[in-house]
């Protein structure tokens, strides 16, 4: 009995100290933003006023040999710790019972974070690391906003009785399909882009993808990657996932997030604020990135957008 109490207390530690933790992290990250701003003054910047913008000024987030752009990893770990704590919170609130939804959501979010660490090398070639500027959005967002807002589904479920969270089998299967397909799309598209950035003669999983197209729809496609050789040097891939829409990795992220939200049922709108935020954020990010690529690649980017016309979902957007 004593061991069970100790386990329960340790599991609840993150939730019980959430307010204090949030205050401490907010203060720490704001001071770090100030430090980055002061450091940026010593480097050439478009305007000193830009130091206060959410995006930041410098693309390089490293000081000496430490890259602070990767510091968001601690925010991901806190996200999972909060989820586990919310499971224990629900058990304490409702006589040792917890819902299937909170377990499934936590499992998929643990899978998402574990995948991040396992394929960490592939993260180094993403837009966030390669092109995104280092400012308030990355410093405060990754450490404070991500863990406390991204755990909104488990937080919501921990405050409501498992008895009102019973899902039908067909509905549960639908949610699981969204979570699994979204996760696979997110991972496969990122792997394809990552491997292509090192070897333009190879696109990960392309031959398998073309095989299924042939078997299911009778479509014959070449297994060699298709790309546009830009005047600046880099190649723009439009094979595999990246031939379907321009930001398929974000499409996968949206799909799995819809699955997480739907697992909370329709008793309240709060769990759905996550997918609303994510969709608006990704739409803004895609348009911002599109403007950067237009300036960077010019007519080559125009040729690419003529080939791949859809941004996220084919025939929809």
C-alpha atoms as a PDB file:
ATOM      1  CA  UNK A   1       0.000   0.000   0.000  1.00  0.00           C
ATOM      2  CA  UNK A   2       2.834   2.369   0.854  1.00  0.00           C
ATOM      3  CA  UNK A   3       4.630   1.597  -2.442  1.00  0.00           C
ATOM      4  CA  UNK A   4       1.416   2.295  -4.377  1.00  0.00           C
ATOM      5  CA  UNK A   5       1.056   5.659  -2.594  1.00  0.00           C
ATOM      6  CA  UNK A   6       4.670   6.581  -3.412  1.00  0.00           C
ATOM      7  CA  UNK A   7       4.129   5.663  -7.088  1.00  0.00           C
ATOM      8  CA  UNK A   8       0.930   7.683  -7.215  1.00  0.00           C
ATOM      9  CA  UNK A   9       2.584  10.713  -5.602  1.00  0.00           C
ATOM     10  CA  UNK A  10       5.534  10.603  -8.003  1.00  0.00           C
ATOM     11  CA  UNK A  11       3.223  10.285 -11.021  1.00  0.00           C
ATOM     12  CA  UNK A  12       1.217  13.285  -9.842  1.00  0.00           C
ATOM     13  CA  UNK A  13       4.277  15.440  -9.141  1.00  0.00           C
ATOM     14  CA  UNK A  14       4.269  17.139 -12.572  1.00  0.00           C
ATOM     15  CA  UNK A  15       0.548  17.997 -12.426  1.00  0.00           C
ATOM     16  CA  UNK A  16       0.675  19.187  -8.801  1.00  0.00           C
ATOM     17  CA  UNK A  17       3.544  21.557  -9.563  1.00  0.00           C
ATOM     18  CA  UNK A  18       2.298  22.566 -13.046  1.00  0.00           C
ATOM     19  CA  UNK A  19       1.547  26.194 -12.131  1.00  0.00           C
ATOM     20  CA  UNK A  20       4.902  26.723 -10.439  1.00  0.00           C
ATOM     21  CA  UNK A  21       6.678  24.939 -13.296  1.00  0.00           C
ATOM     22  CA  UNK A  22       4.903  27.067 -15.896  1.00  0.00           C
ATOM     23  CA  UNK A  23       5.880  30.301 -14.109  1.00  0.00           C
ATOM     24  CA  UNK A  24       9.508  29.243 -13.777  1.00  0.00           C
ATOM     25  CA  UNK A  25       9.743  28.164 -17.419  1.00  0.00           C
ATOM     26  CA  UNK A  26       8.083  31.358 -18.642  1.00  0.00           C
ATOM     27  CA  UNK A  27      10.555  33.511 -16.713  1.00  0.00           C
ATOM     28  CA  UNK A  28      13.552  31.433 -17.804  1.00  0.00           C
ATOM     29  CA  UNK A  29      12.600  31.399 -21.487  1.00  0.00           C
ATOM     30  CA  UNK A  30      11.824  35.123 -21.569  1.00  0.00           C
ATOM     31  CA  UNK A  31      15.291  35.846 -20.160  1.00  0.00           C
ATOM     32  CA  UNK A  32      16.793  33.504 -22.729  1.00  0.00           C
ATOM     33  CA  UNK A  33      14.981  35.468 -25.456  1.00  0.00           C
ATOM     34  CA  UNK A  34      16.527  38.659 -24.103  1.00  0.00           C
ATOM     35  CA  UNK A  35      19.943  36.988 -24.130  1.00  0.00           C
ATOM     36  CA  UNK A  36      19.511  35.896 -27.749  1.00  0.00           C
ATOM     37  CA  UNK A  37      18.425  39.415 -28.665  1.00  0.00           C
ATOM     38  CA  UNK A  38      21.517  40.936 -27.043  1.00  0.00           C
ATOM     39  CA  UNK A  39      23.722  38.368 -28.763  1.00  0.00           C
ATOM     40  CA  UNK A  40      22.085  39.172 -32.113  1.00  0.00           C
ATOM     41  CA  UNK A  41      23.034  42.850 -31.771  1.00  0.00           C
ATOM     42  CA  UNK A  42      26.655  41.873 -32.300  1.00  0.00           C
ATOM     43  CA  UNK A  43      25.832  40.293 -35.688  1.00  0.00           C
ATOM     44  CA  UNK A  44      24.634  41.996 -38.894  1.00  0.00           C
ATOM     45  CA  UNK A  45      20.820  42.244 -38.817  1.00  0.00           C
ATOM     46  CA  UNK A  46      18.244  44.014 -40.991  1.00  0.00           C
ATOM     47  CA  UNK A  47      17.056  46.194 -38.107  1.00  0.00           C
ATOM     48  CA  UNK A  48      17.512  46.260 -34.322  1.00  0.00           C
ATOM     49  CA  UNK A  49      13.714  46.525 -33.987  1.00  0.00           C
ATOM     50  CA  UNK A  50      13.437  43.023 -35.500  1.00  0.00           C
ATOM     51  CA  UNK A  51      14.940  41.615 -32.294  1.00  0.00           C
ATOM     52  CA  UNK A  52      11.524  41.872 -30.687  1.00  0.00           C
ATOM     53  CA  UNK A  53       9.661  39.942 -33.361  1.00  0.00           C
ATOM     54  CA  UNK A  54       8.350  36.437 -32.553  1.00  0.00           C
ATOM     55  CA  UNK A  55      10.240  34.851 -35.444  1.00  0.00           C
ATOM     56  CA  UNK A  56      13.669  36.274 -34.613  1.00  0.00           C
ATOM     57  CA  UNK A  57      16.511  37.439 -36.827  1.00  0.00           C
ATOM     58  CA  UNK A  58      19.328  34.903 -36.984  1.00  0.00           C
ATOM     59  CA  UNK A  59      18.904  31.491 -38.583  1.00  0.00           C
ATOM     60  CA  UNK A  60      21.862  30.124 -36.651  1.00  0.00           C
ATOM     61  CA  UNK A  61      20.770  29.187 -33.146  1.00  0.00           C
ATOM     62  CA  UNK A  62      24.176  27.954 -32.007  1.00  0.00           C
ATOM     63  CA  UNK A  63      26.565  29.566 -29.542  1.00  0.00           C
ATOM     64  CA  UNK A  64      30.027  28.071 -29.778  1.00  0.00           C
ATOM     65  CA  UNK A  65      29.295  24.330 -30.268  1.00  0.00           C
ATOM     66  CA  UNK A  66      25.868  24.244 -28.607  1.00  0.00           C
ATOM     67  CA  UNK A  67      22.864  24.469 -30.935  1.00  0.00           C
ATOM     68  CA  UNK A  68      19.945  25.950 -29.030  1.00  0.00           C
ATOM     69  CA  UNK A  69      17.543  25.165 -31.866  1.00  0.00           C
ATOM     70  CA  UNK A  70      17.556  21.596 -30.593  1.00  0.00           C
ATOM     71  CA  UNK A  71      16.719  22.633 -27.043  1.00  0.00           C
ATOM     72  CA  UNK A  72      13.044  21.985 -27.774  1.00  0.00           C
ATOM     73  CA  UNK A  73      13.670  18.312 -27.043  1.00  0.00           C
ATOM     74  CA  UNK A  74      13.208  18.979 -23.322  1.00  0.00           C
ATOM     75  CA  UNK A  75       9.779  20.428 -24.074  1.00  0.00           C
ATOM     76  CA  UNK A  76       8.798  17.160 -25.760  1.00  0.00           C
ATOM     77  CA  UNK A  77       9.840  15.172 -22.703  1.00  0.00           C
ATOM     78  CA  UNK A  78       7.780  17.457 -20.460  1.00  0.00           C
ATOM     79  CA  UNK A  79       4.803  16.925 -22.795  1.00  0.00           C
ATOM     80  CA  UNK A  80       4.942  13.166 -22.161  1.00  0.00           C
ATOM     81  CA  UNK A  81       5.471  13.587 -18.410  1.00  0.00           C
ATOM     82  CA  UNK A  82       2.361  15.766 -18.270  1.00  0.00           C
ATOM     83  CA  UNK A  83       0.355  13.139 -20.168  1.00  0.00           C
ATOM     84  CA  UNK A  84       1.393  10.390 -17.752  1.00  0.00           C
ATOM     85  CA  UNK A  85       0.575  12.638 -14.815  1.00  0.00           C
ATOM     86  CA  UNK A  86      -2.885  13.372 -16.244  1.00  0.00           C
ATOM     87  CA  UNK A  87      -3.611   9.635 -16.473  1.00  0.00           C
ATOM     88  CA  UNK A  88      -2.849   9.323 -12.774  1.00  0.00           C
ATOM     89  CA  UNK A  89      -4.919  12.454 -12.118  1.00  0.00           C
ATOM     90  CA  UNK A  90      -7.944  10.874 -13.786  1.00  0.00           C
ATOM     91  CA  UNK A  91      -7.471   7.699 -11.725  1.00  0.00           C
ATOM     92  CA  UNK A  92      -7.431   9.706  -8.512  1.00  0.00           C
ATOM     93  CA  UNK A  93     -10.408  11.815  -9.522  1.00  0.00           C
ATOM     94  CA  UNK A  94     -12.611   8.848 -10.437  1.00  0.00           C
ATOM     95  CA  UNK A  95     -11.903   6.046  -7.961  1.00  0.00           C
ATOM     96  CA  UNK A  96      -9.059   4.368  -9.821  1.00  0.00           C
ATOM     97  CA  UNK A  97     -10.743   4.397 -13.235  1.00  0.00           C
ATOM     98  CA  UNK A  98      -9.306   5.871 -16.412  1.00  0.00           C
ATOM     99  CA  UNK A  99     -10.629   6.042 -19.953  1.00  0.00           C
ATOM    100  CA  UNK A 100      -9.392   4.130 -22.968  1.00  0.00           C
ATOM    101  CA  UNK A 101      -9.118   7.440 -24.839  1.00  0.00           C
ATOM    102  CA  UNK A 102      -6.514   8.941 -22.499  1.00  0.00           C
ATOM    103  CA  UNK A 103      -4.386   5.784 -22.791  1.00  0.00           C
ATOM    104  CA  UNK A 104      -4.549   5.679 -26.614  1.00  0.00           C
ATOM    105  CA  UNK A 105      -3.744   9.385 -26.959  1.00  0.00           C
ATOM    106  CA  UNK A 106      -0.778   9.068 -24.599  1.00  0.00           C
ATOM    107  CA  UNK A 107       0.540   6.003 -26.454  1.00  0.00           C
ATOM    108  CA  UNK A 108       0.410   7.760 -29.824  1.00  0.00           C
ATOM    109  CA  UNK A 109       2.003  10.915 -28.454  1.00  0.00           C
ATOM    110  CA  UNK A 110       4.768   8.855 -26.829  1.00  0.00           C
ATOM    111  CA  UNK A 111       5.260   7.181 -30.230  1.00  0.00           C
ATOM    112  CA  UNK A 112       5.456  10.618 -31.882  1.00  0.00           C
ATOM    113  CA  UNK A 113       8.103  11.872 -29.437  1.00  0.00           C
ATOM    114  CA  UNK A 114      10.058   8.591 -29.519  1.00  0.00           C
ATOM    115  CA  UNK A 115      10.067   8.800 -33.312  1.00  0.00           C
ATOM    116  CA  UNK A 116      11.512  12.310 -33.047  1.00  0.00           C
ATOM    117  CA  UNK A 117      14.448  11.035 -31.004  1.00  0.00           C
ATOM    118  CA  UNK A 118      14.974   7.864 -33.048  1.00  0.00           C
ATOM    119  CA  UNK A 119      15.070   9.747 -36.359  1.00  0.00           C
ATOM    120  CA  UNK A 120      16.788  12.777 -34.871  1.00  0.00           C
ATOM    121  CA  UNK A 121      19.229  12.965 -37.772  1.00  0.00           C
ATOM    122  CA  UNK A 122      16.307  13.539 -40.147  1.00  0.00           C
ATOM    123  CA  UNK A 123      15.196  16.523 -38.029  1.00  0.00           C
ATOM    124  CA  UNK A 124      18.441  18.291 -38.927  1.00  0.00           C
ATOM    125  CA  UNK A 125      17.302  18.686 -42.557  1.00  0.00           C
ATOM    126  CA  UNK A 126      13.821  20.030 -41.738  1.00  0.00           C
ATOM    127  CA  UNK A 127      12.756  23.619 -42.360  1.00  0.00           C
ATOM    128  CA  UNK A 128      12.780  24.405 -38.633  1.00  0.00           C
ATOM    129  CA  UNK A 129      16.492  23.720 -38.315  1.00  0.00           C
ATOM    130  CA  UNK A 130      17.680  24.723 -41.783  1.00  0.00           C
ATOM    131  CA  UNK A 131      15.730  27.931 -42.451  1.00  0.00           C
ATOM    132  CA  UNK A 132      13.653  28.991 -39.440  1.00  0.00           C
ATOM    133  CA  UNK A 133      14.962  32.002 -37.551  1.00  0.00           C
ATOM    134  CA  UNK A 134      15.789  31.641 -33.879  1.00  0.00           C
ATOM    135  CA  UNK A 135      13.580  33.854 -31.731  1.00  0.00           C
ATOM    136  CA  UNK A 136      10.713  33.894 -29.257  1.00  0.00           C
ATOM    137  CA  UNK A 137       8.660  31.458 -31.324  1.00  0.00           C
ATOM    138  CA  UNK A 138      11.276  28.705 -31.056  1.00  0.00           C
ATOM    139  CA  UNK A 139      12.684  29.513 -27.602  1.00  0.00           C
ATOM    140  CA  UNK A 140       9.477  30.047 -25.618  1.00  0.00           C
ATOM    141  CA  UNK A 141       7.244  28.006 -27.926  1.00  0.00           C
ATOM    142  CA  UNK A 142       9.245  24.765 -27.790  1.00  0.00           C
ATOM    143  CA  UNK A 143       9.829  24.764 -24.029  1.00  0.00           C
ATOM    144  CA  UNK A 144       6.631  26.332 -22.624  1.00  0.00           C
ATOM    145  CA  UNK A 145       3.840  26.376 -25.197  1.00  0.00           C
ATOM    146  CA  UNK A 146       4.365  22.900 -26.682  1.00  0.00           C
ATOM    147  CA  UNK A 147       4.210  20.772 -23.509  1.00  0.00           C
ATOM    148  CA  UNK A 148       1.402  22.689 -21.778  1.00  0.00           C
ATOM    149  CA  UNK A 149      -0.824  23.177 -24.838  1.00  0.00           C
ATOM    150  CA  UNK A 150      -0.100  19.948 -26.709  1.00  0.00           C
ATOM    151  CA  UNK A 151      -1.220  17.931 -23.653  1.00  0.00           C
ATOM    152  CA  UNK A 152      -4.642  19.608 -23.764  1.00  0.00           C
ATOM    153  CA  UNK A 153      -6.474  16.372 -24.698  1.00  0.00           C
ATOM    154  CA  UNK A 154      -5.160  14.360 -21.738  1.00  0.00           C
ATOM    155  CA  UNK A 155      -5.639  17.371 -19.440  1.00  0.00           C
ATOM    156  CA  UNK A 156      -9.271  17.645 -20.514  1.00  0.00           C
ATOM    157  CA  UNK A 157      -9.904  13.898 -20.134  1.00  0.00           C
ATOM    158  CA  UNK A 158      -8.335  13.835 -16.660  1.00  0.00           C
ATOM    159  CA  UNK A 159     -11.067  16.200 -15.413  1.00  0.00           C
ATOM    160  CA  UNK A 160     -14.006  14.211 -16.809  1.00  0.00           C
ATOM    161  CA  UNK A 161     -15.427  10.859 -15.824  1.00  0.00           C
ATOM    162  CA  UNK A 162     -14.388   7.853 -17.959  1.00  0.00           C
ATOM    163  CA  UNK A 163     -18.078   6.833 -18.013  1.00  0.00           C
ATOM    164  CA  UNK A 164     -18.902   9.630 -20.496  1.00  0.00           C
ATOM    165  CA  UNK A 165     -15.917   8.781 -22.705  1.00  0.00           C
ATOM    166  CA  UNK A 166     -17.137   5.404 -23.972  1.00  0.00           C
ATOM    167  CA  UNK A 167     -16.597   5.094 -27.731  1.00  0.00           C
ATOM    168  CA  UNK A 168     -18.214   2.691 -30.180  1.00  0.00           C
ATOM    169  CA  UNK A 169     -15.971   0.120 -31.865  1.00  0.00           C
ATOM    170  CA  UNK A 170     -16.425   1.592 -35.344  1.00  0.00           C
ATOM    171  CA  UNK A 171     -15.700   5.124 -34.075  1.00  0.00           C
ATOM    172  CA  UNK A 172     -12.602   3.901 -32.233  1.00  0.00           C
ATOM    173  CA  UNK A 173     -11.323   2.091 -35.341  1.00  0.00           C
ATOM    174  CA  UNK A 174     -11.842   5.260 -37.399  1.00  0.00           C
ATOM    175  CA  UNK A 175      -9.846   7.325 -34.883  1.00  0.00           C
ATOM    176  CA  UNK A 176      -7.068   4.726 -34.806  1.00  0.00           C
ATOM    177  CA  UNK A 177      -6.874   4.729 -38.615  1.00  0.00           C
ATOM    178  CA  UNK A 178      -6.479   8.517 -38.595  1.00  0.00           C
ATOM    179  CA  UNK A 179      -3.754   8.350 -35.933  1.00  0.00           C
ATOM    180  CA  UNK A 180      -1.811   5.551 -37.653  1.00  0.00           C
ATOM    181  CA  UNK A 181      -2.125   6.853 -41.221  1.00  0.00           C
ATOM    182  CA  UNK A 182      -1.235  10.387 -40.150  1.00  0.00           C
ATOM    183  CA  UNK A 183       1.808   9.223 -38.241  1.00  0.00           C
ATOM    184  CA  UNK A 184       3.039   7.032 -41.124  1.00  0.00           C
ATOM    185  CA  UNK A 185       2.534   9.849 -43.637  1.00  0.00           C
ATOM    186  CA  UNK A 186       4.435  12.248 -41.383  1.00  0.00           C
ATOM    187  CA  UNK A 187       7.355   9.853 -40.940  1.00  0.00           C
ATOM    188  CA  UNK A 188       7.574   8.550 -44.537  1.00  0.00           C
ATOM    189  CA  UNK A 189       7.467  12.028 -46.113  1.00  0.00           C
ATOM    190  CA  UNK A 190      10.190  13.301 -43.776  1.00  0.00           C
ATOM    191  CA  UNK A 191      12.380  10.263 -44.491  1.00  0.00           C
ATOM    192  CA  UNK A 192      11.956  10.741 -48.242  1.00  0.00           C
ATOM    193  CA  UNK A 193      13.027  14.368 -48.062  1.00  0.00           C
ATOM    194  CA  UNK A 194      15.894  13.592 -45.693  1.00  0.00           C
ATOM    195  CA  UNK A 195      17.418  10.805 -47.801  1.00  0.00           C
ATOM    196  CA  UNK A 196      16.948  12.805 -51.008  1.00  0.00           C
ATOM    197  CA  UNK A 197      18.882  15.728 -49.497  1.00  0.00           C
ATOM    198  CA  UNK A 198      21.919  13.431 -49.289  1.00  0.00           C
ATOM    199  CA  UNK A 199      21.383  11.261 -52.377  1.00  0.00           C
ATOM    200  CA  UNK A 200      19.229  12.692 -55.184  1.00  0.00           C
ATOM    201  CA  UNK A 201      19.177   9.324 -56.988  1.00  0.00           C
ATOM    202  CA  UNK A 202      17.141   7.711 -54.213  1.00  0.00           C
ATOM    203  CA  UNK A 203      13.765   8.376 -52.603  1.00  0.00           C
ATOM    204  CA  UNK A 204      12.995   6.234 -49.580  1.00  0.00           C
ATOM    205  CA  UNK A 205      10.039   3.876 -50.159  1.00  0.00           C
ATOM    206  CA  UNK A 206       9.364   5.110 -53.717  1.00  0.00           C
ATOM    207  CA  UNK A 207       9.495   1.653 -55.336  1.00  0.00           C
ATOM    208  CA  UNK A 208       7.076   0.265 -52.721  1.00  0.00           C
ATOM    209  CA  UNK A 209       4.747   3.237 -53.207  1.00  0.00           C
ATOM    210  CA  UNK A 210       4.742   2.746 -56.992  1.00  0.00           C
ATOM    211  CA  UNK A 211       4.111  -0.983 -56.572  1.00  0.00           C
ATOM    212  CA  UNK A 212       0.927  -0.332 -54.590  1.00  0.00           C
ATOM    213  CA  UNK A 213      -0.229   2.217 -57.167  1.00  0.00           C
ATOM    214  CA  UNK A 214       0.223  -0.378 -59.876  1.00  0.00           C
ATOM    215  CA  UNK A 215      -1.574  -3.136 -57.961  1.00  0.00           C
ATOM    216  CA  UNK A 216      -4.479  -1.004 -56.747  1.00  0.00           C
ATOM    217  CA  UNK A 217      -5.027   1.412 -59.623  1.00  0.00           C
ATOM    218  CA  UNK A 218      -3.009  -0.020 -62.518  1.00  0.00           C
ATOM    219  CA  UNK A 219      -0.760   3.060 -62.583  1.00  0.00           C
ATOM    220  CA  UNK A 220       2.790   2.509 -63.827  1.00  0.00           C
ATOM    221  CA  UNK A 221       5.365   4.964 -62.513  1.00  0.00           C
ATOM    222  CA  UNK A 222       9.128   5.226 -62.752  1.00  0.00           C
ATOM    223  CA  UNK A 223      11.078   4.331 -59.610  1.00  0.00           C
ATOM    224  CA  UNK A 224      13.644   7.041 -60.308  1.00  0.00           C
ATOM    225  CA  UNK A 225      13.042  10.271 -58.388  1.00  0.00           C
ATOM    226  CA  UNK A 226      11.719  13.311 -60.219  1.00  0.00           C
ATOM    227  CA  UNK A 227      13.059  16.708 -59.293  1.00  0.00           C
ATOM    228  CA  UNK A 228      13.765  20.203 -60.578  1.00  0.00           C
ATOM    229  CA  UNK A 229      17.393  21.255 -60.725  1.00  0.00           C
ATOM    230  CA  UNK A 230      17.305  24.888 -59.598  1.00  0.00           C
ATOM    231  CA  UNK A 231      19.646  27.598 -60.822  1.00  0.00           C
ATOM    232  CA  UNK A 232      20.860  28.114 -57.244  1.00  0.00           C
ATOM    233  CA  UNK A 233      21.944  24.483 -56.968  1.00  0.00           C
ATOM    234  CA  UNK A 234      19.469  22.676 -54.653  1.00  0.00           C
ATOM    235  CA  UNK A 235      17.030  20.173 -56.158  1.00  0.00           C
ATOM    236  CA  UNK A 236      13.273  20.351 -55.555  1.00  0.00           C
ATOM    237  CA  UNK A 237      11.753  16.880 -55.197  1.00  0.00           C
ATOM    238  CA  UNK A 238       8.323  16.062 -56.629  1.00  0.00           C
ATOM    239  CA  UNK A 239       8.282  12.265 -56.357  1.00  0.00           C
ATOM    240  CA  UNK A 240       6.640  10.060 -53.730  1.00  0.00           C
ATOM    241  CA  UNK A 241       4.761  11.980 -51.037  1.00  0.00           C
ATOM    242  CA  UNK A 242       6.167  15.265 -52.298  1.00  0.00           C
ATOM    243  CA  UNK A 243       4.517  14.755 -55.680  1.00  0.00           C
ATOM    244  CA  UNK A 244       1.071  14.596 -54.052  1.00  0.00           C
ATOM    245  CA  UNK A 245       1.163  17.892 -52.134  1.00  0.00           C
ATOM    246  CA  UNK A 246       3.850  20.398 -51.173  1.00  0.00           C
ATOM    247  CA  UNK A 247       3.771  19.839 -47.400  1.00  0.00           C
ATOM    248  CA  UNK A 248       2.775  16.220 -46.923  1.00  0.00           C
ATOM    249  CA  UNK A 249       4.649  15.964 -43.625  1.00  0.00           C
ATOM    250  CA  UNK A 250       2.343  18.641 -42.205  1.00  0.00           C
ATOM    251  CA  UNK A 251      -0.655  16.855 -43.738  1.00  0.00           C
ATOM    252  CA  UNK A 252       0.290  13.743 -41.774  1.00  0.00           C
ATOM    253  CA  UNK A 253       0.652  15.812 -38.615  1.00  0.00           C
ATOM    254  CA  UNK A 254      -2.836  17.263 -39.120  1.00  0.00           C
ATOM    255  CA  UNK A 255      -4.416  13.838 -39.703  1.00  0.00           C
ATOM    256  CA  UNK A 256      -2.976  12.254 -36.575  1.00  0.00           C
ATOM    257  CA  UNK A 257      -3.933  15.330 -34.541  1.00  0.00           C
ATOM    258  CA  UNK A 258      -7.533  15.044 -35.748  1.00  0.00           C
ATOM    259  CA  UNK A 259      -7.481  11.459 -34.475  1.00  0.00           C
ATOM    260  CA  UNK A 260      -6.242  12.599 -31.055  1.00  0.00           C
ATOM    261  CA  UNK A 261      -9.002  15.210 -30.796  1.00  0.00           C
ATOM    262  CA  UNK A 262     -11.781  12.875 -31.952  1.00  0.00           C
ATOM    263  CA  UNK A 263     -10.838  10.413 -29.199  1.00  0.00           C
ATOM    264  CA  UNK A 264     -12.085  13.053 -26.739  1.00  0.00           C
ATOM    265  CA  UNK A 265     -15.604  12.696 -28.185  1.00  0.00           C
ATOM    266  CA  UNK A 266     -17.847  15.771 -28.654  1.00  0.00           C
ATOM    267  CA  UNK A 267     -18.744  16.754 -25.114  1.00  0.00           C
ATOM    268  CA  UNK A 268     -16.758  19.997 -25.273  1.00  0.00           C
ATOM    269  CA  UNK A 269     -14.888  22.130 -27.801  1.00  0.00           C
ATOM    270  CA  UNK A 270     -11.729  22.509 -25.663  1.00  0.00           C
ATOM    271  CA  UNK A 271      -9.864  19.433 -27.036  1.00  0.00           C
ATOM    272  CA  UNK A 272     -10.480  20.727 -30.569  1.00  0.00           C
ATOM    273  CA  UNK A 273      -8.701  24.021 -29.951  1.00  0.00           C
ATOM    274  CA  UNK A 274      -5.518  22.026 -30.599  1.00  0.00           C
ATOM    275  CA  UNK A 275      -6.371  21.044 -34.177  1.00  0.00           C
ATOM    276  CA  UNK A 276      -7.749  24.540 -34.869  1.00  0.00           C
ATOM    277  CA  UNK A 277      -4.490  26.088 -33.695  1.00  0.00           C
ATOM    278  CA  UNK A 278      -2.385  23.525 -35.593  1.00  0.00           C
ATOM    279  CA  UNK A 279      -4.259  24.011 -38.877  1.00  0.00           C
ATOM    280  CA  UNK A 280      -4.089  27.815 -38.719  1.00  0.00           C
ATOM    281  CA  UNK A 281      -0.414  27.652 -37.719  1.00  0.00           C
ATOM    282  CA  UNK A 282       0.467  25.281 -40.572  1.00  0.00           C
ATOM    283  CA  UNK A 283      -1.458  27.342 -43.139  1.00  0.00           C
ATOM    284  CA  UNK A 284       0.419  30.470 -42.046  1.00  0.00           C
ATOM    285  CA  UNK A 285       3.713  28.588 -42.026  1.00  0.00           C
ATOM    286  CA  UNK A 286       3.161  27.123 -45.499  1.00  0.00           C
ATOM    287  CA  UNK A 287       2.394  30.534 -46.995  1.00  0.00           C
ATOM    288  CA  UNK A 288       5.375  32.102 -45.247  1.00  0.00           C
ATOM    289  CA  UNK A 289       7.647  29.321 -46.464  1.00  0.00           C
ATOM    290  CA  UNK A 290       6.182  29.620 -49.952  1.00  0.00           C
ATOM    291  CA  UNK A 291       7.099  33.313 -50.067  1.00  0.00           C
ATOM    292  CA  UNK A 292      10.655  32.508 -48.971  1.00  0.00           C
ATOM    293  CA  UNK A 293      10.998  29.830 -51.655  1.00  0.00           C
ATOM    294  CA  UNK A 294       9.627  32.167 -54.325  1.00  0.00           C
ATOM    295  CA  UNK A 295      12.287  34.729 -53.495  1.00  0.00           C
ATOM    296  CA  UNK A 296      14.966  32.070 -53.266  1.00  0.00           C
ATOM    297  CA  UNK A 297      14.239  29.958 -56.365  1.00  0.00           C
ATOM    298  CA  UNK A 298      12.212  32.317 -58.580  1.00  0.00           C
ATOM    299  CA  UNK A 299      11.034  30.687 -61.814  1.00  0.00           C
ATOM    300  CA  UNK A 300      12.156  27.239 -60.611  1.00  0.00           C
ATOM    301  CA  UNK A 301       9.722  27.432 -57.699  1.00  0.00           C
ATOM    302  CA  UNK A 302       6.992  28.587 -60.065  1.00  0.00           C
ATOM    303  CA  UNK A 303       7.631  25.516 -62.216  1.00  0.00           C
ATOM    304  CA  UNK A 304       7.403  23.317 -59.118  1.00  0.00           C
ATOM    305  CA  UNK A 305       4.088  24.811 -57.964  1.00  0.00           C
ATOM    306  CA  UNK A 306       2.689  24.246 -61.461  1.00  0.00           C
ATOM    307  CA  UNK A 307       3.558  20.541 -61.123  1.00  0.00           C
ATOM    308  CA  UNK A 308       2.497  20.131 -57.476  1.00  0.00           C
ATOM    309  CA  UNK A 309      -0.497  22.423 -57.207  1.00  0.00           C
ATOM    310  CA  UNK A 310      -1.948  21.331 -53.864  1.00  0.00           C
ATOM    311  CA  UNK A 311      -0.552  22.593 -50.574  1.00  0.00           C
ATOM    312  CA  UNK A 312      -1.817  19.995 -48.051  1.00  0.00           C
ATOM    313  CA  UNK A 313      -4.736  17.888 -49.291  1.00  0.00           C
ATOM    314  CA  UNK A 314      -5.074  16.902 -52.980  1.00  0.00           C
ATOM    315  CA  UNK A 315      -8.217  18.326 -54.624  1.00  0.00           C
ATOM    316  CA  UNK A 316      -9.082  20.184 -51.406  1.00  0.00           C
ATOM    317  CA  UNK A 317      -6.371  22.709 -50.503  1.00  0.00           C
END
